[in-house]
Protein backbone atom coordinates (compact mmCIF):
# COMPACT_ATOMS: atom_id res chain seq x y z
CA MET A 1 -46.00 186.62 153.00
CA ILE A 2 -44.55 187.16 156.44
CA LYS A 3 -43.59 190.71 157.17
CA ASN A 4 -40.34 191.53 158.93
CA ASN A 5 -41.25 193.15 162.22
CA ASN A 6 -37.71 194.39 162.89
CA THR A 7 -37.49 198.12 162.84
CA PRO A 8 -34.53 199.88 161.24
CA THR A 9 -33.23 200.88 164.70
CA GLU A 10 -33.12 197.25 165.83
CA LYS A 11 -31.21 196.29 162.69
CA LYS A 12 -28.62 198.94 163.42
CA THR A 13 -28.07 197.69 166.99
CA THR A 14 -27.63 194.07 165.90
CA GLU A 15 -25.12 195.09 163.25
CA LYS A 16 -23.19 197.10 165.83
CA ASN A 17 -23.09 194.15 168.23
CA LYS A 18 -21.80 191.87 165.48
CA LYS A 19 -19.04 194.33 164.63
CA LYS A 20 -18.07 194.66 168.29
CA PHE A 21 -17.94 190.88 168.75
CA ASN A 22 -15.82 190.44 165.60
CA SER A 23 -13.38 193.15 166.65
CA TYR A 24 -13.34 191.69 170.18
CA SER A 25 -12.52 188.21 168.92
CA GLN A 26 -9.71 189.52 166.66
CA ASP A 27 -7.84 191.16 169.56
CA THR A 28 -4.97 189.33 171.13
CA SER A 29 -5.19 188.01 174.68
CA ILE A 30 -3.01 189.02 177.59
CA GLN A 31 0.41 187.39 177.48
CA GLY A 32 0.81 184.66 180.09
CA SER A 33 -2.91 184.29 180.78
CA TYR A 34 -4.40 180.82 180.72
CA LEU A 35 -7.47 179.50 178.91
CA ASN A 36 -6.93 181.93 176.01
CA LYS A 37 -8.47 180.88 172.68
CA TYR A 38 -9.91 177.66 174.15
CA SER A 39 -13.35 176.43 173.17
CA TYR A 40 -14.26 173.52 175.44
CA SER A 41 -16.15 170.50 174.28
CA ASN A 42 -18.34 170.47 177.36
CA LYS A 43 -21.74 171.77 176.26
CA ASN A 44 -22.92 172.50 179.80
CA VAL A 45 -20.04 174.95 180.41
CA GLU A 46 -19.74 178.31 178.76
CA SER A 47 -16.44 178.92 176.97
CA LEU A 48 -14.22 181.71 178.31
CA PRO A 49 -13.52 184.44 175.75
CA PRO A 50 -10.01 185.94 175.67
CA ILE A 51 -9.44 189.08 177.68
CA LYS A 52 -8.80 192.37 175.97
CA PRO A 53 -5.88 194.32 177.44
CA ASN A 54 -7.14 196.83 179.98
CA ILE A 55 -5.28 200.01 179.07
CA SER A 56 -7.70 202.43 180.72
CA GLY A 57 -7.23 200.82 184.16
CA ASN A 58 -10.80 199.62 184.53
CA LYS A 59 -10.79 196.33 186.50
CA SER A 60 -14.30 195.29 185.65
CA ASN A 61 -13.08 193.25 182.69
CA GLN A 62 -10.52 191.42 184.88
CA THR A 63 -12.95 190.58 187.65
CA PHE A 64 -15.43 189.36 185.09
CA TYR A 65 -12.74 187.06 183.70
CA PHE A 66 -11.89 185.58 187.12
CA LEU A 67 -15.58 184.98 187.84
CA LYS A 68 -15.83 183.26 184.49
CA LEU A 69 -12.76 181.15 185.35
CA SER A 70 -14.09 180.10 188.77
CA ARG A 71 -17.49 179.29 187.26
CA THR A 72 -15.83 177.19 184.55
CA TRP A 73 -13.76 175.33 187.15
CA ASP A 74 -16.73 174.67 189.41
CA LYS A 75 -19.05 173.47 186.64
CA GLY A 76 -16.43 171.81 184.47
CA ASN A 77 -15.76 168.10 184.22
CA ARG A 78 -12.40 166.33 184.40
CA THR A 79 -11.29 167.23 180.87
CA VAL A 80 -12.05 170.92 181.40
CA ARG A 81 -10.07 171.03 184.61
CA GLU A 82 -7.18 169.19 183.02
CA ARG A 83 -6.96 171.84 180.32
CA ILE A 84 -7.11 174.63 182.87
CA LEU A 85 -4.31 173.04 184.90
CA LYS A 86 -2.10 172.40 181.89
CA ASP A 87 -2.45 175.97 180.71
CA PHE A 88 -1.82 177.31 184.21
CA ILE A 89 1.33 175.19 184.67
CA LYS A 90 2.62 176.12 181.23
CA ASN A 91 2.31 179.90 181.67
CA ASN A 92 3.05 180.41 185.38
CA LYS A 93 6.21 178.47 186.21
CA ASN A 94 8.81 180.29 188.36
CA LYS A 95 6.55 183.28 189.00
CA THR A 96 6.52 185.26 192.21
CA GLY A 97 3.58 185.72 194.54
CA PRO A 98 2.68 189.23 193.29
CA GLN A 99 2.85 188.04 189.69
CA LEU A 100 0.44 185.21 190.45
CA GLU A 101 -1.91 187.65 192.14
CA ARG A 102 -1.79 189.95 189.13
CA GLU A 103 -2.33 187.04 186.76
CA LEU A 104 -5.35 185.76 188.69
CA PHE A 105 -6.68 189.28 189.43
CA HIS A 106 -6.35 188.96 193.25
CA GLY A 107 -8.09 185.62 193.29
CA ALA A 108 -5.03 183.35 193.65
CA SER A 109 -5.98 182.25 197.17
CA LEU A 110 -9.42 181.19 196.00
CA PHE A 111 -7.94 179.22 193.13
CA LEU A 112 -5.47 177.52 195.53
CA THR A 113 -8.33 176.45 197.82
CA ARG A 114 -10.12 174.94 194.84
CA LEU A 115 -7.00 172.98 193.87
CA THR A 116 -6.46 171.68 197.41
CA ALA A 117 -10.11 170.70 197.83
CA TRP A 118 -10.12 168.79 194.57
CA LEU A 119 -6.87 167.01 195.56
CA ARG A 120 -8.40 165.87 198.86
CA LEU A 121 -11.42 164.49 197.03
CA THR A 122 -9.66 162.70 194.18
CA TYR A 123 -6.22 161.50 195.41
CA LEU A 124 -7.66 158.08 196.28
CA LEU A 125 -9.06 157.75 192.76
CA GLY A 126 -5.67 158.41 191.16
CA SER A 127 -6.86 160.93 188.55
CA ASP A 128 -4.82 164.01 187.62
CA ILE A 129 -2.79 163.93 190.84
CA LEU A 130 0.42 164.96 189.09
CA LEU A 131 -1.14 168.04 187.46
CA LEU A 132 -2.71 169.12 190.74
CA LEU A 133 0.58 168.71 192.63
CA GLN A 134 2.51 170.66 190.00
CA ALA A 135 -0.03 173.50 190.16
CA ILE A 136 0.13 173.57 193.97
CA ASP A 137 3.92 173.55 193.81
CA ILE A 138 3.80 176.80 191.78
CA PHE A 139 2.01 178.51 194.68
CA VAL A 140 4.09 176.98 197.46
CA SER A 141 7.47 177.60 195.82
CA ALA A 142 6.68 181.18 194.73
CA SER A 143 8.98 183.79 196.24
CA SER A 144 7.21 186.47 198.30
CA GLY A 145 4.29 184.05 198.45
CA HIS A 146 4.35 183.35 202.16
CA ARG A 147 0.59 183.87 202.33
CA PHE A 148 -0.01 180.96 199.93
CA LEU A 149 2.13 178.70 202.11
CA THR A 150 0.25 179.48 205.32
CA GLU A 151 -3.10 179.06 203.58
CA PHE A 152 -2.03 175.67 202.24
CA LEU A 153 -1.09 174.53 205.75
CA GLU A 154 -4.31 175.85 207.28
CA ILE A 155 -6.42 174.02 204.71
CA GLY A 156 -4.71 170.73 205.65
CA GLY A 157 -2.65 170.29 202.52
CA VAL A 158 0.40 168.86 204.33
CA LEU A 159 -1.61 166.02 205.86
CA THR A 160 -3.13 165.24 202.46
CA ILE A 161 0.17 165.00 200.60
CA LEU A 162 1.72 162.94 203.43
CA GLU A 163 -1.11 160.46 203.03
CA ILE A 164 -0.36 160.29 199.32
CA LEU A 165 3.18 159.10 200.14
CA CYS A 166 1.80 156.14 202.09
CA ILE A 167 -0.36 154.83 199.23
CA SER A 168 1.29 152.06 197.27
CA GLN A 169 -0.82 152.67 194.14
CA VAL A 170 0.56 156.18 193.67
CA LYS A 171 3.15 156.51 190.91
CA GLU A 172 6.79 157.34 191.56
CA GLU A 173 6.53 160.66 189.68
CA GLU A 174 3.68 161.77 191.91
CA LYS A 175 5.59 160.82 195.06
CA ALA A 176 8.60 162.77 193.83
CA GLU A 177 6.39 165.83 193.28
CA VAL A 178 4.99 165.48 196.82
CA LEU A 179 8.53 165.41 198.20
CA ARG A 180 9.40 168.56 196.25
CA ILE A 181 6.41 170.38 197.76
CA LEU A 182 7.47 169.28 201.25
CA SER A 183 11.04 170.41 200.62
CA HIS A 184 9.77 173.89 199.62
CA ILE A 185 7.75 174.01 202.83
CA ALA A 186 10.75 172.88 204.91
CA ASN A 187 12.95 175.58 203.38
CA ALA A 188 10.56 178.26 204.68
CA GLY A 189 11.84 177.96 208.27
CA ARG A 190 12.18 175.93 211.44
CA GLN A 191 8.52 176.18 212.44
CA TYR A 192 7.49 174.61 209.12
CA LYS A 193 9.99 171.76 209.65
CA GLU A 194 8.51 171.12 213.08
CA PHE A 195 5.01 171.18 211.62
CA ILE A 196 5.96 168.47 209.10
CA CYS A 197 7.57 166.35 211.84
CA GLU A 198 4.56 166.79 214.14
CA SER A 199 2.37 165.49 211.34
CA TYR A 200 4.36 162.20 211.36
CA GLY A 201 6.22 163.32 208.28
CA VAL A 202 9.56 161.70 209.19
CA ARG A 203 8.03 158.24 209.33
CA ALA A 204 6.15 158.71 206.04
CA ILE A 205 9.24 160.04 204.23
CA ALA A 206 11.46 157.25 205.61
CA ASP A 207 8.94 154.61 204.47
CA CYS A 208 8.87 156.20 201.04
CA LEU A 209 12.68 156.08 200.89
CA ALA A 210 12.76 152.43 201.96
CA ARG A 211 10.03 151.21 199.61
CA SER A 212 10.67 153.36 196.56
CA LYS A 213 12.23 151.84 193.45
CA SER A 214 12.98 155.09 191.63
CA GLU A 215 16.31 156.80 192.22
CA ILE A 216 14.75 160.23 191.64
CA THR A 217 12.22 159.64 194.42
CA GLN A 218 14.92 158.26 196.70
CA ASP A 219 17.11 161.28 196.09
CA CYS A 220 14.25 163.66 196.90
CA ALA A 221 13.48 161.73 200.10
CA LYS A 222 17.15 161.78 201.12
CA ASN A 223 17.43 165.55 200.66
CA LEU A 224 14.17 166.14 202.50
CA LEU A 225 15.25 164.07 205.52
CA TYR A 226 18.51 165.98 205.65
CA GLN A 227 16.60 169.28 205.56
CA LEU A 228 14.32 168.15 208.37
CA GLY A 229 17.34 167.23 210.51
CA VAL A 230 19.48 170.33 209.99
CA GLY A 231 18.38 173.35 212.01
CA ASN A 232 15.68 171.34 213.79
CA PRO A 233 17.13 170.16 217.14
CA LYS A 234 13.76 169.08 218.48
CA TYR A 235 13.39 166.30 215.91
CA LEU A 236 17.05 165.70 215.01
CA ILE A 237 17.30 162.39 216.88
CA GLN A 238 14.05 161.19 215.28
CA VAL A 239 15.52 161.75 211.81
CA TYR A 240 18.76 160.08 212.91
CA LYS A 241 16.93 156.96 214.11
CA ALA A 242 14.88 156.78 210.92
CA LEU A 243 18.03 156.82 208.78
CA MET A 244 19.71 154.20 210.97
CA SER A 245 16.69 151.88 210.71
CA ILE A 246 16.89 152.02 206.91
CA LEU A 247 20.65 151.51 206.96
CA ILE A 248 20.54 148.40 209.15
CA SER A 249 17.50 146.79 207.54
CA SER A 250 18.23 143.75 205.38
CA THR A 251 15.00 144.01 203.33
CA VAL A 252 15.78 147.44 201.89
CA SER A 253 17.22 147.87 198.41
CA VAL A 254 20.87 148.77 197.91
CA SER A 255 20.10 152.21 196.48
CA SER A 256 17.90 153.04 199.49
CA GLN A 257 20.69 152.04 201.86
CA GLN A 258 23.14 154.15 199.91
CA MET A 259 20.86 157.21 200.00
CA SER A 260 20.20 156.84 203.73
CA SER A 261 23.92 156.45 204.47
CA GLN A 262 24.68 159.62 202.49
CA ALA A 263 22.04 161.56 204.43
CA LEU A 264 23.38 160.17 207.71
CA ARG A 265 26.95 161.13 206.83
CA MET A 266 25.86 164.70 206.05
CA LEU A 267 23.82 164.84 209.27
CA LEU A 268 26.50 163.57 211.68
CA PRO A 269 28.34 166.92 212.13
CA SER A 270 25.16 168.51 213.50
CA ILE A 271 24.70 165.75 216.14
CA PRO A 272 26.63 166.75 219.29
CA VAL A 273 26.87 163.31 220.94
CA VAL A 274 26.47 159.97 219.16
CA HIS A 275 25.79 156.71 221.01
CA PRO A 276 28.66 154.17 220.80
CA SER A 277 26.33 151.48 219.46
CA ILE A 278 26.60 153.07 216.02
CA VAL A 279 30.18 151.79 215.66
CA GLU A 280 29.25 148.13 215.44
CA ALA A 281 26.31 148.85 213.14
CA ILE A 282 28.40 150.89 210.71
CA SER A 283 31.32 148.46 210.75
CA SER A 284 28.92 145.71 209.67
CA LEU A 285 28.42 147.66 206.43
CA LEU A 286 32.01 146.83 205.51
CA LYS A 287 30.93 143.18 205.15
CA SER A 288 28.43 144.00 202.41
CA LYS A 289 28.94 142.47 199.00
CA TYR A 290 28.09 145.78 197.31
CA ILE A 291 30.96 148.19 196.80
CA GLN A 292 28.85 151.33 197.27
CA ILE A 293 27.70 150.19 200.72
CA GLN A 294 31.28 149.33 201.71
CA TYR A 295 32.41 152.79 200.63
CA GLU A 296 29.64 154.53 202.57
CA GLY A 297 30.48 152.55 205.72
CA TYR A 298 34.15 153.52 205.34
CA GLU A 299 33.27 157.22 204.93
CA ILE A 300 30.90 157.20 207.91
CA LEU A 301 33.60 155.69 210.15
CA LEU A 302 35.97 158.45 209.04
CA GLU A 303 33.31 161.00 209.99
CA LEU A 304 32.71 159.31 213.35
CA MET A 305 36.40 159.57 214.20
CA LYS A 306 35.87 163.32 214.57
CA LYS A 307 33.81 162.59 217.70
CA PRO A 308 36.20 162.43 220.71
CA ASN A 309 34.02 159.98 222.65
CA LEU A 310 34.11 157.42 219.81
CA GLN A 311 37.80 157.37 218.88
CA ASP A 312 38.91 154.74 221.39
CA ILE A 313 35.85 152.58 220.69
CA ILE A 314 36.39 152.64 216.92
CA ILE A 315 40.10 151.84 217.19
CA LYS A 316 39.46 148.99 219.61
CA HIS A 317 36.70 147.55 217.42
CA LEU A 318 38.79 147.74 214.24
CA CYS A 319 41.78 146.12 215.93
CA GLU A 320 39.54 143.29 217.10
CA THR A 321 38.23 142.74 213.58
CA LEU A 322 41.80 142.32 212.38
CA LYS A 323 42.31 139.42 214.78
CA ILE A 324 39.39 137.37 213.43
CA THR A 325 40.90 134.16 212.03
CA THR A 326 39.42 132.03 209.26
CA GLU A 327 40.46 128.42 208.81
CA THR A 328 40.94 128.05 205.04
CA ILE A 329 44.05 125.83 205.04
CA ASP A 330 44.09 122.23 206.24
CA ASP A 331 47.12 120.26 207.33
CA ASN A 332 46.72 117.53 204.74
CA GLU A 333 49.47 115.85 202.74
CA GLU A 334 47.76 116.67 199.44
CA ASN A 335 47.74 120.38 200.24
CA ASP A 336 51.40 120.21 201.21
CA LYS A 337 52.23 118.62 197.88
CA LYS A 338 50.28 121.31 196.02
CA TRP A 339 52.14 123.98 197.94
CA LYS A 340 55.55 122.47 197.25
CA GLU A 341 54.87 121.90 193.56
CA THR A 342 54.09 125.58 192.95
CA LYS A 343 56.69 127.68 191.18
CA PRO A 344 58.03 130.90 192.70
CA ASN A 345 56.51 133.08 190.00
CA ASN A 346 53.04 131.54 190.21
CA GLU A 347 53.16 130.81 193.92
CA HIS A 348 50.59 133.36 194.94
CA GLN A 349 48.16 132.38 192.20
CA ASP A 350 48.35 128.67 193.05
CA ILE A 351 47.88 129.39 196.73
CA ASN A 352 44.71 131.29 195.95
CA GLU A 353 43.37 128.45 193.81
CA SER A 354 44.06 125.77 196.45
CA SER A 355 42.53 127.88 199.20
CA THR A 356 39.41 128.57 197.18
CA LEU A 357 39.05 124.86 196.48
CA ILE A 358 39.20 124.11 200.17
CA VAL A 359 36.66 126.79 200.94
CA ASN A 360 34.27 125.55 198.26
CA ASN A 361 34.43 122.04 199.69
CA ASN A 362 33.25 123.37 203.04
CA GLY A 363 30.19 124.97 201.48
CA LYS A 364 29.02 128.10 199.72
CA GLU A 365 27.70 129.80 202.84
CA LYS A 366 30.99 129.42 204.63
CA SER A 367 32.88 130.81 201.64
CA ASP A 368 30.60 133.86 201.56
CA THR A 369 31.11 134.56 205.25
CA ILE A 370 34.88 134.19 204.91
CA LEU A 371 34.91 136.56 201.96
CA HIS A 372 32.87 139.13 203.90
CA ILE A 373 35.32 138.89 206.81
CA PHE A 374 38.25 139.43 204.44
CA ILE A 375 36.58 142.52 202.98
CA GLN A 376 35.90 143.92 206.45
CA GLN A 377 39.50 143.33 207.51
CA SER A 378 40.76 144.99 204.34
CA TYR A 379 38.79 148.18 205.00
CA ALA A 380 39.74 148.08 208.70
CA ALA A 381 43.45 147.88 207.89
CA LYS A 382 43.12 150.69 205.34
CA LEU A 383 41.18 152.91 207.73
CA LEU A 384 43.64 152.36 210.58
CA GLY A 385 46.51 153.26 208.26
CA VAL A 386 44.83 156.50 207.22
CA LEU A 387 44.16 157.43 210.85
CA ALA A 388 47.73 156.59 211.87
CA VAL A 389 49.07 158.95 209.21
CA GLN A 390 46.75 161.74 210.34
CA SER A 391 47.51 161.59 214.07
CA ASP A 392 50.45 160.23 216.09
CA LEU A 393 48.26 159.99 219.17
CA LEU A 394 45.84 157.66 217.38
CA ALA A 395 48.76 155.59 216.13
CA GLU A 396 49.99 155.08 219.70
CA LYS A 397 46.50 154.04 220.75
CA MET A 398 46.47 151.50 217.93
CA ILE A 399 49.76 150.02 219.13
CA ASP A 400 48.36 149.77 222.67
CA ASN A 401 45.36 147.89 221.26
CA GLN A 402 47.71 145.31 219.67
CA ILE A 403 47.30 146.36 216.06
CA ILE A 404 50.62 144.69 215.15
CA SER A 405 49.29 141.25 216.01
CA GLY A 406 46.09 141.94 214.06
CA LEU A 407 47.99 143.12 210.98
CA LEU A 408 50.09 139.96 211.02
CA CYS A 409 46.89 137.92 211.04
CA VAL A 410 45.53 139.83 208.03
CA ILE A 411 48.81 139.39 206.13
CA ALA A 412 48.09 135.65 206.30
CA ASN A 413 44.89 136.06 204.20
CA ILE A 414 46.41 134.46 201.14
CA SER A 415 43.04 134.14 199.39
CA HIS A 416 42.38 137.91 199.54
CA PRO A 417 45.35 139.94 198.23
CA GLU A 418 43.65 143.30 198.80
CA SER A 419 43.54 142.81 202.57
CA GLN A 420 47.17 141.64 202.55
CA LYS A 421 48.22 144.76 200.68
CA ASN A 422 46.41 147.16 203.03
CA ALA A 423 47.68 145.39 206.14
CA ALA A 424 51.26 145.33 204.83
CA GLY A 425 51.15 149.07 204.06
CA THR A 426 49.91 149.93 207.54
CA LEU A 427 52.47 147.63 209.19
CA ILE A 428 55.38 149.11 207.23
CA TYR A 429 54.33 152.65 208.18
CA LEU A 430 54.11 151.84 211.89
CA LEU A 431 57.49 150.07 211.87
CA ASP A 432 59.16 153.01 210.15
CA LYS A 433 57.45 155.53 212.43
CA TYR A 434 58.25 153.75 215.71
CA PRO A 435 61.69 152.05 215.84
CA LYS A 436 60.96 150.62 219.30
CA VAL A 437 58.05 148.65 217.88
CA LYS A 438 60.31 147.39 215.12
CA ASN A 439 62.92 146.22 217.62
CA GLU A 440 60.31 144.41 219.71
CA LEU A 441 58.93 142.74 216.61
CA ARG A 442 62.48 141.68 215.61
CA ASN A 443 63.02 140.09 219.00
CA LYS A 444 59.76 138.14 218.82
CA MET A 445 59.51 137.32 215.12
CA GLY A 446 63.17 136.96 214.25
CA LYS A 447 65.59 138.89 212.11
CA ASN A 448 64.62 137.17 208.86
CA PHE A 449 61.07 138.50 208.93
CA ILE A 450 62.18 142.12 209.46
CA ASP A 451 64.81 141.78 206.71
CA LEU A 452 62.16 140.41 204.38
CA ILE A 453 59.99 143.47 205.06
CA ASP A 454 62.90 145.89 204.62
CA TYR A 455 64.23 144.46 201.37
CA ARG A 456 60.90 143.49 199.76
CA PRO A 457 58.18 145.74 201.20
CA ASP A 458 55.88 145.39 198.18
CA THR A 459 56.02 141.64 197.71
CA PHE A 460 57.03 140.06 201.02
CA TYR A 461 53.47 138.91 201.77
CA LYS A 462 53.40 137.02 198.45
CA GLU A 463 56.47 134.94 199.33
CA LEU A 464 55.22 133.27 202.50
CA ASN A 465 55.23 129.50 202.78
CA LYS A 466 52.56 127.46 204.49
CA ASP A 467 54.28 127.21 207.87
CA GLN A 468 54.81 130.94 207.97
CA VAL A 469 51.16 131.60 207.09
CA VAL A 470 49.97 129.31 209.87
CA TYR A 471 52.40 130.95 212.29
CA LEU A 472 51.17 134.45 211.40
CA ARG A 473 47.55 133.42 211.67
CA LYS A 474 48.02 131.98 215.18
CA ASN A 475 50.48 134.54 216.53
CA LYS A 476 50.12 135.83 220.08
CA ILE A 477 52.52 138.73 219.90
CA VAL A 478 52.00 141.49 222.50
CA ILE A 479 53.66 144.82 221.78
CA GLY A 480 52.96 148.00 223.77
CA HIS A 481 50.93 148.65 226.86
CA SER A 482 47.29 149.71 227.09
CA ALA A 483 46.73 153.26 228.23
CA ASP A 484 43.80 152.31 230.46
CA ASN A 485 45.81 149.96 232.71
CA GLY A 486 48.94 152.07 232.92
CA GLY A 487 48.88 152.48 236.70
CA GLN A 488 48.13 148.83 237.31
CA GLN A 489 50.93 147.76 235.00
CA SER A 490 53.45 149.94 236.82
CA ASN A 491 52.44 148.33 240.10
CA ASP A 492 52.66 144.90 238.52
CA GLU A 493 56.12 145.67 237.21
CA SER A 494 57.31 146.75 240.64
CA ASN A 495 55.91 143.55 242.13
CA ARG A 496 57.60 141.52 239.43
CA THR A 497 60.97 143.14 240.14
CA LYS A 498 60.60 142.31 243.82
CA GLN A 499 59.74 138.72 242.99
CA GLN A 500 62.70 138.47 240.63
CA ASN A 501 65.05 139.74 243.34
CA LYS A 502 63.71 137.11 245.74
CA ILE A 503 64.16 134.42 243.10
CA LEU A 504 67.75 135.55 242.49
CA GLN A 505 68.54 135.39 246.20
CA ASP A 506 67.07 131.92 246.41
CA ASP A 507 69.10 130.89 243.37
CA ILE A 508 72.26 132.24 244.95
CA ASN A 509 71.64 130.27 248.12
CA SER A 510 70.91 127.14 246.13
CA GLU A 511 74.03 127.71 244.03
CA ASN A 512 76.17 127.95 247.14
CA SER A 513 74.77 124.66 248.36
CA ILE A 514 75.38 123.10 244.96
CA SER A 515 78.96 124.37 244.90
CA GLU A 516 79.58 122.77 248.28
CA GLN A 517 78.29 119.49 246.95
CA ASN A 518 80.43 119.79 243.83
CA ASP A 519 83.53 120.22 245.95
CA ASN A 520 82.81 116.85 247.50
CA GLU A 521 82.23 115.20 244.09
CA THR A 522 84.86 113.45 242.02
CA PRO A 523 86.72 115.37 239.28
CA GLU A 524 85.23 113.09 236.59
CA LYS A 525 81.69 114.15 237.46
CA ALA A 526 82.73 117.78 237.51
CA THR A 527 84.13 117.55 233.97
CA GLU A 528 80.93 115.89 232.76
CA ASN A 529 78.81 118.66 234.26
CA ASN A 530 80.99 121.33 232.63
CA GLU A 531 80.65 119.64 229.21
CA ASN A 532 76.86 119.49 229.58
CA LYS A 533 76.78 123.15 230.49
CA ASP A 534 78.83 124.10 227.44
CA ASN A 535 76.54 122.08 225.13
CA ASN A 536 73.47 123.70 226.63
CA GLU A 537 74.94 127.17 226.16
CA GLU A 538 75.72 126.47 222.50
CA GLU A 539 72.18 125.18 221.87
CA LEU A 540 70.65 128.19 223.58
CA GLU A 541 72.79 130.60 221.60
CA SER A 542 71.68 128.94 218.36
CA ASP A 543 68.05 129.00 219.47
CA SER A 544 68.16 132.62 220.64
CA GLU A 545 68.28 133.78 217.02
CA SER A 546 64.76 132.60 216.17
CA GLU A 547 64.11 132.08 212.47
CA PHE A 548 60.76 132.84 210.82
CA THR A 549 60.06 129.16 210.26
CA GLU A 550 58.44 128.06 213.53
CA LEU A 551 55.02 126.45 213.69
CA SER A 552 53.56 128.18 216.73
CA TYR A 553 54.38 130.90 219.16
CA ASP A 554 53.90 128.63 222.20
CA ASP A 555 57.17 126.85 221.47
CA GLU A 556 58.93 130.19 221.20
CA GLU A 557 57.57 131.23 224.60
CA GLU A 558 58.98 128.06 226.17
CA GLU A 559 62.36 128.78 224.61
CA ASP A 560 62.30 132.33 225.97
CA GLU A 561 61.71 130.95 229.45
CA ASN A 562 64.71 128.65 229.04
CA ILE A 563 66.82 131.57 227.85
CA ASP A 564 65.88 133.58 230.92
CA ILE A 565 66.89 130.69 233.20
CA THR A 566 70.30 130.25 231.53
CA VAL A 567 70.95 133.99 231.77
CA LYS A 568 70.28 133.78 235.50
CA PHE A 569 72.75 130.90 235.83
CA LYS A 570 75.38 132.85 233.90
CA ILE A 571 74.94 135.82 236.21
CA ILE A 572 75.25 133.58 239.26
CA ASN A 573 78.39 131.89 237.92
CA ASN A 574 80.04 135.22 237.18
């Protein structure tokens, strides 16, 4: 038989150790600590026992735990590190810097360096990137944790996460987490914003916004670009150009364009001077077939009107867009028959159907371009009306830029009722606000047109016949004078008055010579001349009241010249 060599003293010590271990394992772990009650499957790594609360103030137990944690992290495989990260993220969200230091027993900086080093080694492999980024975000976003932020920058963490944004294989969730980390860094101050921009961060973030397919990622990129632009005058123009490149690009998705336009609209008040080339680029957004892009272009133009150097340019450009004509009606006999056969109640609907048929015959591409022009003119008329209501000075500038002629052209867009409605509303406001403009329009368009506007302001544009539509589309009405050529126009007017006086003197001399000849003529010829004069006066009086049924404005101009000549003869005779 084998004798037991254990002495009674050794038995007592082993029993005591067993009791201590059992009591130690039954104690609860510290609340909020990670890796408590975990037994890892990795046989090469020792499992970390839970920590007993240190009531006496002795820190030896805590330091031993952190050494055990660091040793487990260093020797652990991927599954071990995943469990450590999950437990850390679960128990340490929204904690301050001092709380993290207390939780990690003054070894938080060392743990952050381990996380950053592992991220730099494994981000190309695509393993556990999201967990690593979430753990790093806890350190970077911690209040009173400025030391963690500087250490992360010194290690090269910003360059690493910016490289992650440029990799196409990275998931959208991981890119969104990278953008959140960068936003926390940008919120720390201006020097951190400049550090991100110096690391080519604007280009990487703009590419992420343009290529991303997730709205969450796009929203994070939009907010980050806005943060980098505000309070960062050194790189403000760089952010502005990046947003404009996304906005103008035709290969970018609609949601990306919408996000970039929102960021640009929020960033415009902080830009002191904007180049005038932005006006044409933004006005092209009104042609988009997507409503959200049209709305963003409209809002950006409203924001640009607050810049004094762009007001005249925007008004001039919008008035020119109103004058763009589209040939959608042909002068064929079949179309005339269709127009005449329509009933008064369904007149507008039938006109739309015939015009769309004509457009479709010309081709799909042409119909799309015409529709885009109609949409642009509709927003231009609406925007000019809003600006005219806000400021009388802007309204006078619009009149000088011949907005009346442009609105009449848009009223002729029978295939797009929305543009007709907006143009009619703006025209009615300007005529009510400025009676002189209304009188000039009555003299050039005729009394019937003004009466039609006064008695039927809501439906007058629906009751136009074909000849009236063609007349409005080709009108050459000039009302008002441009403010830029005011001095030149005054000089021209003075020269014109001098020339008119000379012409009157010449007419008087010629009339005297004619009267001498008439004295020598027979009385029969004199009576014939008087009858011809009376007939001409009656015709001119009937023609002076021009009806709104003429085909072109050129004929009306010739009649005006004849009227002026007869008035001169009347003055001479008197």
